[in-house]
Amino acid sequence: MDRGLLDEITGHEAKTVPEAGWASLKNGELLGRAEVEFDVFVTTDRNLMFQQNLPNFDIAVVVLACKTNRLGDLLPLVPKLLDAIPSAKPGTPLIIKS
């Protein structure tokens, strides 16, 4: 995900996967690490919810689904994301579409 998006996620601590030092981890390992440090995992990977058994992880997953993963396409989803974060529940993916 574009680092520029993090600047728009105000009121929350946010890191990219590389910033956390997790770039080499696969999805299951990544969610396992993330659940220890964060409450919500935001991704653009629409397949994550089919590839992983999300109820096994104690972290909410929010999927940003838009035309591309470019910052210009992601930015319009930020208000919906900020509204969704407080109600996101572990084990149940929340999909935000453009």
PDB file of N, CA and C in Angstrom:
ATOM      1  N   MET A   1       0.840  -1.163   0.000  1.00  0.00           N
ATOM      2  CA  MET A   1       0.000   0.000   0.000  1.00  0.00           C
ATOM      3  C   MET A   1       0.890   1.233   0.000  1.00  0.00           C
ATOM      4  N   ASP A   2       0.472   2.260  -0.663  1.00  0.00           N
ATOM      5  CA  ASP A   2       1.242   3.498  -0.781  1.00  0.00           C
ATOM      6  C   ASP A   2       1.428   4.160   0.582  1.00  0.00           C
ATOM      7  N   ARG A   3       2.638   4.510   0.906  1.00  0.00           N
ATOM      8  CA  ARG A   3       2.967   5.174   2.176  1.00  0.00           C
ATOM      9  C   ARG A   3       2.178   6.461   2.354  1.00  0.00           C
ATOM     10  N   GLY A   4       1.878   7.145   1.274  1.00  0.00           N
ATOM     11  CA  GLY A   4       1.136   8.395   1.345  1.00  0.00           C
ATOM     12  C   GLY A   4      -0.248   8.230   1.952  1.00  0.00           C
ATOM     13  N   LEU A   5      -0.808   7.055   1.851  1.00  0.00           N
ATOM     14  CA  LEU A   5      -2.129   6.807   2.425  1.00  0.00           C
ATOM     15  C   LEU A   5      -2.086   6.900   3.952  1.00  0.00           C
ATOM     16  N   LEU A   6      -0.979   6.489   4.546  1.00  0.00           N
ATOM     17  CA  LEU A   6      -0.868   6.521   6.003  1.00  0.00           C
ATOM     18  C   LEU A   6      -0.990   7.924   6.560  1.00  0.00           C
ATOM     19  N   ASP A   7      -0.527   8.908   5.830  1.00  0.00           N
ATOM     20  CA  ASP A   7      -0.626  10.292   6.278  1.00  0.00           C
ATOM     21  C   ASP A   7      -2.074  10.739   6.419  1.00  0.00           C
ATOM     22  N   GLU A   8      -2.974  10.064   5.714  1.00  0.00           N
ATOM     23  CA  GLU A   8      -4.392  10.417   5.736  1.00  0.00           C
ATOM     24  C   GLU A   8      -5.170   9.670   6.817  1.00  0.00           C
ATOM     25  N   ILE A   9      -4.581   8.644   7.388  1.00  0.00           N
ATOM     26  CA  ILE A   9      -5.254   7.856   8.417  1.00  0.00           C
ATOM     27  C   ILE A   9      -4.964   8.522   9.763  1.00  0.00           C
ATOM     28  N   THR A  10      -5.676   9.590  10.023  1.00  0.00           N
ATOM     29  CA  THR A  10      -5.440  10.399  11.209  1.00  0.00           C
ATOM     30  C   THR A  10      -6.108   9.792  12.436  1.00  0.00           C
ATOM     31  N   GLY A  11      -5.506  10.033  13.586  1.00  0.00           N
ATOM     32  CA  GLY A  11      -6.061   9.554  14.840  1.00  0.00           C
ATOM     33  C   GLY A  11      -5.737   8.110  15.153  1.00  0.00           C
ATOM     34  N   HIS A  12      -4.912   7.482  14.343  1.00  0.00           N
ATOM     35  CA  HIS A  12      -4.555   6.079  14.536  1.00  0.00           C
ATOM     36  C   HIS A  12      -3.071   5.890  14.272  1.00  0.00           C
ATOM     37  N   GLU A  13      -2.472   4.938  14.970  1.00  0.00           N
ATOM     38  CA  GLU A  13      -1.092   4.573  14.665  1.00  0.00           C
ATOM     39  C   GLU A  13      -1.136   3.648  13.465  1.00  0.00           C
ATOM     40  N   ALA A  14      -0.385   3.967  12.447  1.00  0.00           N
ATOM     41  CA  ALA A  14      -0.398   3.160  11.229  1.00  0.00           C
ATOM     42  C   ALA A  14       1.029   3.001  10.707  1.00  0.00           C
ATOM     43  N   LYS A  15       1.301   1.796  10.203  1.00  0.00           N
ATOM     44  CA  LYS A  15       2.603   1.497   9.600  1.00  0.00           C
ATOM     45  C   LYS A  15       2.366   0.667   8.358  1.00  0.00           C
ATOM     46  N   THR A  16       3.258   0.809   7.397  1.00  0.00           N
ATOM     47  CA  THR A  16       3.234  -0.094   6.256  1.00  0.00           C
ATOM     48  C   THR A  16       3.923  -1.387   6.680  1.00  0.00           C
ATOM     49  N   VAL A  17       3.712  -2.436   5.928  1.00  0.00           N
ATOM     50  CA  VAL A  17       4.361  -3.714   6.216  1.00  0.00           C
ATOM     51  C   VAL A  17       5.883  -3.557   6.198  1.00  0.00           C
ATOM     52  N   PRO A  18       6.469  -2.886   5.187  1.00  0.00           N
ATOM     53  CA  PRO A  18       7.930  -2.707   5.215  1.00  0.00           C
ATOM     54  C   PRO A  18       8.413  -1.898   6.425  1.00  0.00           C
ATOM     55  N   GLU A  19       7.652  -0.874   6.815  1.00  0.00           N
ATOM     56  CA  GLU A  19       8.053  -0.075   7.986  1.00  0.00           C
ATOM     57  C   GLU A  19       8.089  -0.917   9.258  1.00  0.00           C
ATOM     58  N   ALA A  20       7.202  -1.888   9.344  1.00  0.00           N
ATOM     59  CA  ALA A  20       7.161  -2.771  10.511  1.00  0.00           C
ATOM     60  C   ALA A  20       8.244  -3.845  10.438  1.00  0.00           C
ATOM     61  N   GLY A  21       8.922  -3.954   9.288  1.00  0.00           N
ATOM     62  CA  GLY A  21       9.965  -4.964   9.116  1.00  0.00           C
ATOM     63  C   GLY A  21       9.420  -6.327   8.751  1.00  0.00           C
ATOM     64  N   TRP A  22       8.214  -6.361   8.187  1.00  0.00           N
ATOM     65  CA  TRP A  22       7.532  -7.616   7.892  1.00  0.00           C
ATOM     66  C   TRP A  22       7.407  -7.914   6.404  1.00  0.00           C
ATOM     67  N   ALA A  23       8.156  -7.261   5.567  1.00  0.00           N
ATOM     68  CA  ALA A  23       8.009  -7.403   4.116  1.00  0.00           C
ATOM     69  C   ALA A  23       8.244  -8.830   3.624  1.00  0.00           C
ATOM     70  N   SER A  24       9.022  -9.607   4.327  1.00  0.00           N
ATOM     71  CA  SER A  24       9.321 -10.958   3.860  1.00  0.00           C
ATOM     72  C   SER A  24       8.315 -12.005   4.351  1.00  0.00           C
ATOM     73  N   LEU A  25       7.347 -11.590   5.162  1.00  0.00           N
ATOM     74  CA  LEU A  25       6.391 -12.545   5.725  1.00  0.00           C
ATOM     75  C   LEU A  25       5.254 -12.862   4.761  1.00  0.00           C
ATOM     76  N   LYS A  26       4.786 -14.098   4.818  1.00  0.00           N
ATOM     77  CA  LYS A  26       3.607 -14.516   4.055  1.00  0.00           C
ATOM     78  C   LYS A  26       2.373 -14.067   4.820  1.00  0.00           C
ATOM     79  N   ASN A  27       1.207 -14.124   4.176  1.00  0.00           N
ATOM     80  CA  ASN A  27      -0.018 -13.582   4.762  1.00  0.00           C
ATOM     81  C   ASN A  27      -0.345 -14.110   6.159  1.00  0.00           C
ATOM     82  N   GLY A  28      -0.284 -15.417   6.375  1.00  0.00           N
ATOM     83  CA  GLY A  28      -0.600 -15.972   7.686  1.00  0.00           C
ATOM     84  C   GLY A  28       0.353 -15.485   8.761  1.00  0.00           C
ATOM     85  N   GLU A  29       1.646 -15.491   8.456  1.00  0.00           N
ATOM     86  CA  GLU A  29       2.645 -14.983   9.397  1.00  0.00           C
ATOM     87  C   GLU A  29       2.448 -13.492   9.636  1.00  0.00           C
ATOM     88  N   LEU A  30       2.119 -12.792   8.574  1.00  0.00           N
ATOM     89  CA  LEU A  30       1.913 -11.345   8.659  1.00  0.00           C
ATOM     90  C   LEU A  30       0.747 -11.010   9.586  1.00  0.00           C
ATOM     91  N   LEU A  31      -0.364 -11.689   9.419  1.00  0.00           N
ATOM     92  CA  LEU A  31      -1.513 -11.456  10.292  1.00  0.00           C
ATOM     93  C   LEU A  31      -1.188 -11.835  11.736  1.00  0.00           C
ATOM     94  N   GLY A  32      -0.426 -12.881  11.920  1.00  0.00           N
ATOM     95  CA  GLY A  32      -0.024 -13.286  13.265  1.00  0.00           C
ATOM     96  C   GLY A  32       0.807 -12.227  13.964  1.00  0.00           C
ATOM     97  N   ARG A  33       1.720 -11.642  13.249  1.00  0.00           N
ATOM     98  CA  ARG A  33       2.537 -10.562  13.824  1.00  0.00           C
ATOM     99  C   ARG A  33       1.694  -9.315  14.063  1.00  0.00           C
ATOM    100  N   ALA A  34       0.853  -8.987  13.078  1.00  0.00           N
ATOM    101  CA  ALA A  34       0.048  -7.762  13.166  1.00  0.00           C
ATOM    102  C   ALA A  34      -0.934  -7.817  14.334  1.00  0.00           C
ATOM    103  N   GLU A  35      -1.507  -8.996  14.617  1.00  0.00           N
ATOM    104  CA  GLU A  35      -2.503  -9.090  15.677  1.00  0.00           C
ATOM    105  C   GLU A  35      -1.918  -8.794  17.052  1.00  0.00           C
ATOM    106  N   VAL A  36      -0.606  -8.932  17.196  1.00  0.00           N
ATOM    107  CA  VAL A  36       0.052  -8.650  18.469  1.00  0.00           C
ATOM    108  C   VAL A  36       0.191  -7.142  18.688  1.00  0.00           C
ATOM    109  N   GLU A  37       0.392  -6.391  17.606  1.00  0.00           N
ATOM    110  CA  GLU A  37       0.673  -4.962  17.728  1.00  0.00           C
ATOM    111  C   GLU A  37      -0.472  -4.037  17.333  1.00  0.00           C
ATOM    112  N   PHE A  38      -1.435  -4.551  16.550  1.00  0.00           N
ATOM    113  CA  PHE A  38      -2.479  -3.682  16.015  1.00  0.00           C
ATOM    114  C   PHE A  38      -3.861  -4.292  16.204  1.00  0.00           C
ATOM    115  N   ASP A  39      -4.878  -3.453  16.103  1.00  0.00           N
ATOM    116  CA  ASP A  39      -6.269  -3.900  16.196  1.00  0.00           C
ATOM    117  C   ASP A  39      -6.877  -4.149  14.823  1.00  0.00           C
ATOM    118  N   VAL A  40      -6.360  -3.431  13.816  1.00  0.00           N
ATOM    119  CA  VAL A  40      -6.934  -3.493  12.465  1.00  0.00           C
ATOM    120  C   VAL A  40      -5.807  -3.631  11.453  1.00  0.00           C
ATOM    121  N   PHE A  41      -6.011  -4.525  10.490  1.00  0.00           N
ATOM    122  CA  PHE A  41      -5.078  -4.709   9.385  1.00  0.00           C
ATOM    123  C   PHE A  41      -5.785  -4.221   8.127  1.00  0.00           C
ATOM    124  N   VAL A  42      -5.226  -3.211   7.467  1.00  0.00           N
ATOM    125  CA  VAL A  42      -5.810  -2.646   6.256  1.00  0.00           C
ATOM    126  C   VAL A  42      -5.002  -3.128   5.066  1.00  0.00           C
ATOM    127  N   THR A  43      -5.696  -3.637   4.066  1.00  0.00           N
ATOM    128  CA  THR A  43      -5.020  -4.206   2.903  1.00  0.00           C
ATOM    129  C   THR A  43      -5.789  -3.887   1.627  1.00  0.00           C
ATOM    130  N   THR A  44      -5.104  -4.016   0.517  1.00  0.00           N
ATOM    131  CA  THR A  44      -5.765  -3.940  -0.783  1.00  0.00           C
ATOM    132  C   THR A  44      -5.839  -5.331  -1.416  1.00  0.00           C
ATOM    133  N   ASP A  45      -5.392  -6.338  -0.697  1.00  0.00           N
ATOM    134  CA  ASP A  45      -5.389  -7.718  -1.184  1.00  0.00           C
ATOM    135  C   ASP A  45      -6.778  -8.330  -1.008  1.00  0.00           C
ATOM    136  N   ARG A  46      -7.557  -8.339  -2.067  1.00  0.00           N
ATOM    137  CA  ARG A  46      -8.923  -8.863  -2.012  1.00  0.00           C
ATOM    138  C   ARG A  46      -8.961 -10.374  -1.803  1.00  0.00           C
ATOM    139  N   ASN A  47      -7.865 -11.051  -2.080  1.00  0.00           N
ATOM    140  CA  ASN A  47      -7.813 -12.505  -1.924  1.00  0.00           C
ATOM    141  C   ASN A  47      -7.476 -12.948  -0.500  1.00  0.00           C
ATOM    142  N   LEU A  48      -7.011 -12.033   0.318  1.00  0.00           N
ATOM    143  CA  LEU A  48      -6.585 -12.388   1.665  1.00  0.00           C
ATOM    144  C   LEU A  48      -7.690 -13.108   2.434  1.00  0.00           C
ATOM    145  N   MET A  49      -8.906 -12.651   2.308  1.00  0.00           N
ATOM    146  CA  MET A  49     -10.009 -13.243   3.078  1.00  0.00           C
ATOM    147  C   MET A  49     -10.359 -14.647   2.602  1.00  0.00           C
ATOM    148  N   PHE A  50      -9.934 -15.009   1.391  1.00  0.00           N
ATOM    149  CA  PHE A  50     -10.164 -16.359   0.877  1.00  0.00           C
ATOM    150  C   PHE A  50      -8.968 -17.271   1.132  1.00  0.00           C
ATOM    151  N   GLN A  51      -7.792 -16.666   1.270  1.00  0.00           N
ATOM    152  CA  GLN A  51      -6.559 -17.430   1.462  1.00  0.00           C
ATOM    153  C   GLN A  51      -6.265 -17.743   2.924  1.00  0.00           C
ATOM    154  N   GLN A  52      -6.835 -16.945   3.818  1.00  0.00           N
ATOM    155  CA  GLN A  52      -6.567 -17.112   5.245  1.00  0.00           C
ATOM    156  C   GLN A  52      -7.877 -17.348   5.996  1.00  0.00           C
ATOM    157  N   ASN A  53      -7.815 -18.097   7.065  1.00  0.00           N
ATOM    158  CA  ASN A  53      -8.976 -18.329   7.919  1.00  0.00           C
ATOM    159  C   ASN A  53      -8.996 -17.198   8.947  1.00  0.00           C
ATOM    160  N   LEU A  54      -9.614 -16.088   8.592  1.00  0.00           N
ATOM    161  CA  LEU A  54      -9.551 -14.872   9.409  1.00  0.00           C
ATOM    162  C   LEU A  54     -10.059 -15.041  10.838  1.00  0.00           C
ATOM    163  N   PRO A  55     -11.059 -15.900  11.099  1.00  0.00           N
ATOM    164  CA  PRO A  55     -11.467 -16.078  12.502  1.00  0.00           C
ATOM    165  C   PRO A  55     -10.360 -16.640  13.405  1.00  0.00           C
ATOM    166  N   ASN A  56      -9.302 -17.183  12.819  1.00  0.00           N
ATOM    167  CA  ASN A  56      -8.176 -17.685  13.609  1.00  0.00           C
ATOM    168  C   ASN A  56      -7.278 -16.565  14.128  1.00  0.00           C
ATOM    169  N   PHE A  57      -7.501 -15.341  13.660  1.00  0.00           N
ATOM    170  CA  PHE A  57      -6.651 -14.220  14.043  1.00  0.00           C
ATOM    171  C   PHE A  57      -7.444 -13.203  14.855  1.00  0.00           C
ATOM    172  N   ASP A  58      -6.808 -12.669  15.872  1.00  0.00           N
ATOM    173  CA  ASP A  58      -7.448 -11.669  16.723  1.00  0.00           C
ATOM    174  C   ASP A  58      -7.132 -10.261  16.212  1.00  0.00           C
ATOM    175  N   ILE A  59      -7.526 -10.026  14.960  1.00  0.00           N
ATOM    176  CA  ILE A  59      -7.321  -8.713  14.344  1.00  0.00           C
ATOM    177  C   ILE A  59      -8.413  -8.518  13.300  1.00  0.00           C
ATOM    178  N   ALA A  60      -8.933  -7.320  13.254  1.00  0.00           N
ATOM    179  CA  ALA A  60      -9.919  -6.986  12.228  1.00  0.00           C
ATOM    180  C   ALA A  60      -9.192  -6.742  10.912  1.00  0.00           C
ATOM    181  N   VAL A  61      -9.827  -7.107   9.815  1.00  0.00           N
ATOM    182  CA  VAL A  61      -9.242  -6.902   8.489  1.00  0.00           C
ATOM    183  C   VAL A  61     -10.179  -6.026   7.674  1.00  0.00           C
ATOM    184  N   VAL A  62      -9.625  -4.939   7.156  1.00  0.00           N
ATOM    185  CA  VAL A  62     -10.365  -4.040   6.278  1.00  0.00           C
ATOM    186  C   VAL A  62      -9.706  -4.104   4.906  1.00  0.00           C
ATOM    187  N   VAL A  63     -10.501  -4.419   3.903  1.00  0.00           N
ATOM    188  CA  VAL A  63     -10.009  -4.526   2.531  1.00  0.00           C
ATOM    189  C   VAL A  63     -10.470  -3.298   1.755  1.00  0.00           C
ATOM    190  N   LEU A  64      -9.510  -2.563   1.212  1.00  0.00           N
ATOM    191  CA  LEU A  64      -9.830  -1.425   0.348  1.00  0.00           C
ATOM    192  C   LEU A  64      -9.889  -1.939  -1.085  1.00  0.00           C
ATOM    193  N   ALA A  65     -11.073  -1.929  -1.663  1.00  0.00           N
ATOM    194  CA  ALA A  65     -11.280  -2.469  -3.006  1.00  0.00           C
ATOM    195  C   ALA A  65     -11.567  -1.328  -3.971  1.00  0.00           C
ATOM    196  N   CYS A  66     -10.607  -1.061  -4.824  1.00  0.00           N
ATOM    197  CA  CYS A  66     -10.798  -0.018  -5.827  1.00  0.00           C
ATOM    198  C   CYS A  66     -10.095  -0.416  -7.124  1.00  0.00           C
ATOM    199  N   LYS A  67     -10.214   0.448  -8.108  1.00  0.00           N
ATOM    200  CA  LYS A  67      -9.708   0.162  -9.460  1.00  0.00           C
ATOM    201  C   LYS A  67      -8.238  -0.258  -9.462  1.00  0.00           C
ATOM    202  N   THR A  68      -7.407   0.508  -8.774  1.00  0.00           N
ATOM    203  CA  THR A  68      -5.979   0.193  -8.675  1.00  0.00           C
ATOM    204  C   THR A  68      -5.524   0.435  -7.240  1.00  0.00           C
ATOM    205  N   ASN A  69      -4.287   0.090  -6.948  1.00  0.00           N
ATOM    206  CA  ASN A  69      -3.708   0.346  -5.628  1.00  0.00           C
ATOM    207  C   ASN A  69      -2.957   1.664  -5.580  1.00  0.00           C
ATOM    208  N   ARG A  70      -3.143   2.480  -6.574  1.00  0.00           N
ATOM    209  CA  ARG A  70      -2.466   3.786  -6.615  1.00  0.00           C
ATOM    210  C   ARG A  70      -3.104   4.736  -5.609  1.00  0.00           C
ATOM    211  N   LEU A  71      -2.288   5.619  -5.092  1.00  0.00           N
ATOM    212  CA  LEU A  71      -2.734   6.556  -4.069  1.00  0.00           C
ATOM    213  C   LEU A  71      -3.965   7.343  -4.504  1.00  0.00           C
ATOM    214  N   GLY A  72      -3.983   7.792  -5.740  1.00  0.00           N
ATOM    215  CA  GLY A  72      -5.113   8.574  -6.233  1.00  0.00           C
ATOM    216  C   GLY A  72      -6.431   7.821  -6.187  1.00  0.00           C
ATOM    217  N   ASP A  73      -6.378   6.510  -6.359  1.00  0.00           N
ATOM    218  CA  ASP A  73      -7.589   5.690  -6.285  1.00  0.00           C
ATOM    219  C   ASP A  73      -7.950   5.343  -4.839  1.00  0.00           C
ATOM    220  N   LEU A  74      -6.958   5.254  -3.967  1.00  0.00           N
ATOM    221  CA  LEU A  74      -7.189   4.894  -2.575  1.00  0.00           C
ATOM    222  C   LEU A  74      -7.674   6.068  -1.721  1.00  0.00           C
ATOM    223  N   LEU A  75      -7.198   7.264  -2.005  1.00  0.00           N
ATOM    224  CA  LEU A  75      -7.536   8.421  -1.171  1.00  0.00           C
ATOM    225  C   LEU A  75      -9.037   8.644  -0.983  1.00  0.00           C
ATOM    226  N   PRO A  76      -9.875   8.478  -2.015  1.00  0.00           N
ATOM    227  CA  PRO A  76     -11.311   8.687  -1.801  1.00  0.00           C
ATOM    228  C   PRO A  76     -11.939   7.698  -0.805  1.00  0.00           C
ATOM    229  N   LEU A  77     -11.257   6.594  -0.521  1.00  0.00           N
ATOM    230  CA  LEU A  77     -11.785   5.614   0.420  1.00  0.00           C
ATOM    231  C   LEU A  77     -11.456   5.940   1.877  1.00  0.00           C
ATOM    232  N   VAL A  78     -10.575   6.906   2.104  1.00  0.00           N
ATOM    233  CA  VAL A  78     -10.125   7.212   3.457  1.00  0.00           C
ATOM    234  C   VAL A  78     -11.268   7.602   4.395  1.00  0.00           C
ATOM    235  N   PRO A  79     -12.200   8.466   4.008  1.00  0.00           N
ATOM    236  CA  PRO A  79     -13.294   8.784   4.946  1.00  0.00           C
ATOM    237  C   PRO A  79     -14.089   7.544   5.360  1.00  0.00           C
ATOM    238  N   LYS A  80     -14.369   6.648   4.429  1.00  0.00           N
ATOM    239  CA  LYS A  80     -15.075   5.406   4.764  1.00  0.00           C
ATOM    240  C   LYS A  80     -14.221   4.534   5.682  1.00  0.00           C
ATOM    241  N   LEU A  81     -12.923   4.500   5.422  1.00  0.00           N
ATOM    242  CA  LEU A  81     -12.015   3.725   6.256  1.00  0.00           C
ATOM    243  C   LEU A  81     -12.016   4.257   7.680  1.00  0.00           C
ATOM    244  N   LEU A  82     -11.884   5.557   7.828  1.00  0.00           N
ATOM    245  CA  LEU A  82     -11.861   6.149   9.170  1.00  0.00           C
ATOM    246  C   LEU A  82     -13.163   5.892   9.914  1.00  0.00           C
ATOM    247  N   ASP A  83     -14.279   5.892   9.206  1.00  0.00           N
ATOM    248  CA  ASP A  83     -15.574   5.579   9.828  1.00  0.00           C
ATOM    249  C   ASP A  83     -15.658   4.104  10.225  1.00  0.00           C
ATOM    250  N   ALA A  84     -15.035   3.238   9.437  1.00  0.00           N
ATOM    251  CA  ALA A  84     -15.135   1.790   9.645  1.00  0.00           C
ATOM    252  C   ALA A  84     -14.213   1.263  10.739  1.00  0.00           C
ATOM    253  N   ILE A  85     -13.095   1.891  10.950  1.00  0.00           N
ATOM    254  CA  ILE A  85     -12.103   1.367  11.897  1.00  0.00           C
ATOM    255  C   ILE A  85     -12.691   1.089  13.285  1.00  0.00           C
ATOM    256  N   PRO A  86     -13.457   2.007  13.878  1.00  0.00           N
ATOM    257  CA  PRO A  86     -13.970   1.735  15.229  1.00  0.00           C
ATOM    258  C   PRO A  86     -14.917   0.535  15.317  1.00  0.00           C
ATOM    259  N   SER A  87     -15.590   0.211  14.238  1.00  0.00           N
ATOM    260  CA  SER A  87     -16.561  -0.885  14.291  1.00  0.00           C
ATOM    261  C   SER A  87     -16.042  -2.190  13.681  1.00  0.00           C
ATOM    262  N   ALA A  88     -14.825  -2.187  13.172  1.00  0.00           N
ATOM    263  CA  ALA A  88     -14.261  -3.395  12.561  1.00  0.00           C
ATOM    264  C   ALA A  88     -14.063  -4.462  13.638  1.00  0.00           C
ATOM    265  N   LYS A  89     -14.474  -5.679  13.304  1.00  0.00           N
ATOM    266  CA  LYS A  89     -14.429  -6.790  14.256  1.00  0.00           C
ATOM    267  C   LYS A  89     -13.433  -7.863  13.801  1.00  0.00           C
ATOM    268  N   PRO A  90     -12.668  -8.418  14.738  1.00  0.00           N
ATOM    269  CA  PRO A  90     -11.772  -9.514  14.376  1.00  0.00           C
ATOM    270  C   PRO A  90     -12.523 -10.684  13.789  1.00  0.00           C
ATOM    271  N   GLY A  91     -11.912 -11.303  12.774  1.00  0.00           N
ATOM    272  CA  GLY A  91     -12.504 -12.499  12.176  1.00  0.00           C
ATOM    273  C   GLY A  91     -13.502 -12.250  11.068  1.00  0.00           C
ATOM    274  N   THR A  92     -13.945 -11.023  10.918  1.00  0.00           N
ATOM    275  CA  THR A  92     -14.927 -10.693   9.890  1.00  0.00           C
ATOM    276  C   THR A  92     -14.359  -9.609   8.987  1.00  0.00           C
ATOM    277  N   PRO A  93     -14.021  -9.930   7.751  1.00  0.00           N
ATOM    278  CA  PRO A  93     -13.445  -8.899   6.879  1.00  0.00           C
ATOM    279  C   PRO A  93     -14.491  -7.835   6.538  1.00  0.00           C
ATOM    280  N   LEU A  94     -14.022  -6.617   6.487  1.00  0.00           N
ATOM    281  CA  LEU A  94     -14.860  -5.485   6.104  1.00  0.00           C
ATOM    282  C   LEU A  94     -14.314  -4.962   4.787  1.00  0.00           C
ATOM    283  N   ILE A  95     -15.156  -4.911   3.780  1.00  0.00           N
ATOM    284  CA  ILE A  95     -14.721  -4.472   2.453  1.00  0.00           C
ATOM    285  C   ILE A  95     -15.257  -3.070   2.187  1.00  0.00           C
ATOM    286  N   ILE A  96     -14.341  -2.180   1.830  1.00  0.00           N
ATOM    287  CA  ILE A  96     -14.714  -0.811   1.481  1.00  0.00           C
ATOM    288  C   ILE A  96     -14.459  -0.643   0.003  1.00  0.00           C
ATOM    289  N   LYS A  97     -15.518  -0.359  -0.724  1.00  0.00           N
ATOM    290  CA  LYS A  97     -15.420  -0.231  -2.178  1.00  0.00           C
ATOM    291  C   LYS A  97     -15.508   1.221  -2.612  1.00  0.00           C
ATOM    292  N   SER A  98     -14.854   1.497  -3.740  1.00  0.00           N
ATOM    293  CA  SER A  98     -14.930   2.846  -4.306  1.00  0.00           C
ATOM    294  C   SER A  98     -16.183   3.002  -5.114  1.00  0.00           C
TER     295      SER A  98
END
